[in-house]
């Protein structure tokens, strides 16, 4: 199961957790499930449905997803 590392600034919104395991096949599915589990994150992660805020950095195995696109 994929693990999502939570930045220190978002930890208060996920019960102080630094790492959360979430099941999903794509980055979008992982984020959707994360928000279902922790609804407070939605406004902090998304500017609108399916659109991640530009200041949110996402990495897969240490590589920015912006570099993968």
C-alpha atoms as a PDB file:
ATOM      1  CA  UNK A   1       0.000   0.000   0.000  1.00  0.00           C
ATOM      2  CA  UNK A   2       1.401   3.438  -0.905  1.00  0.00           C
ATOM      3  CA  UNK A   3       2.580   5.709   1.895  1.00  0.00           C
ATOM      4  CA  UNK A   4       1.990   9.444   1.852  1.00  0.00           C
ATOM      5  CA  UNK A   5       4.414  11.595   3.820  1.00  0.00           C
ATOM      6  CA  UNK A   6       2.645  14.560   5.352  1.00  0.00           C
ATOM      7  CA  UNK A   7       4.459  17.878   5.711  1.00  0.00           C
ATOM      8  CA  UNK A   8       4.714  19.376   9.180  1.00  0.00           C
ATOM      9  CA  UNK A   9       2.326  22.196   8.230  1.00  0.00           C
ATOM     10  CA  UNK A  10      -0.445  19.716   7.350  1.00  0.00           C
ATOM     11  CA  UNK A  11       0.029  17.326  10.271  1.00  0.00           C
ATOM     12  CA  UNK A  12      -2.399  19.161  12.581  1.00  0.00           C
ATOM     13  CA  UNK A  13      -5.125  18.330  10.047  1.00  0.00           C
ATOM     14  CA  UNK A  14      -4.343  14.591  10.060  1.00  0.00           C
ATOM     15  CA  UNK A  15      -4.088  13.984  13.779  1.00  0.00           C
ATOM     16  CA  UNK A  16      -0.357  14.673  13.875  1.00  0.00           C
ATOM     17  CA  UNK A  17       0.525  11.767  11.579  1.00  0.00           C
ATOM     18  CA  UNK A  18       3.740  12.043   9.559  1.00  0.00           C
ATOM     19  CA  UNK A  19       2.990   9.099   7.251  1.00  0.00           C
ATOM     20  CA  UNK A  20      -0.382   7.773   6.110  1.00  0.00           C
ATOM     21  CA  UNK A  21      -1.023   4.606   4.124  1.00  0.00           C
ATOM     22  CA  UNK A  22      -3.718   5.018   1.481  1.00  0.00           C
ATOM     23  CA  UNK A  23      -4.808   2.576  -1.199  1.00  0.00           C
ATOM     24  CA  UNK A  24      -5.076   3.757  -4.803  1.00  0.00           C
ATOM     25  CA  UNK A  25      -3.830   3.125  -8.323  1.00  0.00           C
ATOM     26  CA  UNK A  26      -3.108   6.736  -9.316  1.00  0.00           C
ATOM     27  CA  UNK A  27      -1.937   9.896  -7.576  1.00  0.00           C
ATOM     28  CA  UNK A  28      -5.418  11.340  -8.029  1.00  0.00           C
ATOM     29  CA  UNK A  29      -7.055   8.298  -6.438  1.00  0.00           C
ATOM     30  CA  UNK A  30      -4.628   8.443  -3.508  1.00  0.00           C
ATOM     31  CA  UNK A  31      -5.395  12.107  -2.903  1.00  0.00           C
ATOM     32  CA  UNK A  32      -9.142  11.529  -3.140  1.00  0.00           C
ATOM     33  CA  UNK A  33      -8.961   8.762  -0.550  1.00  0.00           C
ATOM     34  CA  UNK A  34      -6.727  10.880   1.667  1.00  0.00           C
ATOM     35  CA  UNK A  35      -9.303  13.688   1.588  1.00  0.00           C
ATOM     36  CA  UNK A  36     -12.115  11.217   2.353  1.00  0.00           C
ATOM     37  CA  UNK A  37     -10.191  10.127   5.423  1.00  0.00           C
ATOM     38  CA  UNK A  38      -9.182  13.687   6.413  1.00  0.00           C
ATOM     39  CA  UNK A  39     -11.732  16.167   4.960  1.00  0.00           C
ATOM     40  CA  UNK A  40      -9.887  19.233   6.321  1.00  0.00           C
ATOM     41  CA  UNK A  41      -7.158  18.602   3.751  1.00  0.00           C
ATOM     42  CA  UNK A  42      -9.388  19.245   0.751  1.00  0.00           C
ATOM     43  CA  UNK A  43      -9.175  23.056   0.864  1.00  0.00           C
ATOM     44  CA  UNK A  44      -5.455  22.892   1.640  1.00  0.00           C
ATOM     45  CA  UNK A  45      -4.636  20.552  -1.254  1.00  0.00           C
ATOM     46  CA  UNK A  46      -7.112  21.493  -3.997  1.00  0.00           C
ATOM     47  CA  UNK A  47      -7.954  24.833  -5.605  1.00  0.00           C
ATOM     48  CA  UNK A  48     -10.980  23.168  -7.238  1.00  0.00           C
ATOM     49  CA  UNK A  49     -12.040  19.527  -7.719  1.00  0.00           C
ATOM     50  CA  UNK A  50      -9.191  17.588  -9.275  1.00  0.00           C
ATOM     51  CA  UNK A  51      -6.858  20.614  -9.402  1.00  0.00           C
ATOM     52  CA  UNK A  52      -4.036  20.608  -6.845  1.00  0.00           C
ATOM     53  CA  UNK A  53      -2.919  24.033  -5.576  1.00  0.00           C
ATOM     54  CA  UNK A  54       0.253  25.186  -7.340  1.00  0.00           C
ATOM     55  CA  UNK A  55       2.103  25.380  -4.009  1.00  0.00           C
ATOM     56  CA  UNK A  56       1.453  21.691  -3.209  1.00  0.00           C
ATOM     57  CA  UNK A  57       4.457  19.526  -4.043  1.00  0.00           C
ATOM     58  CA  UNK A  58       3.884  15.866  -4.842  1.00  0.00           C
ATOM     59  CA  UNK A  59       6.646  13.283  -5.164  1.00  0.00           C
ATOM     60  CA  UNK A  60       6.788   9.654  -6.261  1.00  0.00           C
ATOM     61  CA  UNK A  61       9.835   7.813  -4.966  1.00  0.00           C
ATOM     62  CA  UNK A  62      11.560  11.145  -4.337  1.00  0.00           C
ATOM     63  CA  UNK A  63      10.887  12.581  -7.814  1.00  0.00           C
ATOM     64  CA  UNK A  64       8.554  15.536  -8.304  1.00  0.00           C
ATOM     65  CA  UNK A  65       5.521  14.607 -10.390  1.00  0.00           C
ATOM     66  CA  UNK A  66       6.027  17.870 -12.271  1.00  0.00           C
ATOM     67  CA  UNK A  67       9.198  16.324 -13.685  1.00  0.00           C
ATOM     68  CA  UNK A  68       7.227  13.249 -14.778  1.00  0.00           C
ATOM     69  CA  UNK A  69       4.623  15.133 -16.796  1.00  0.00           C
END
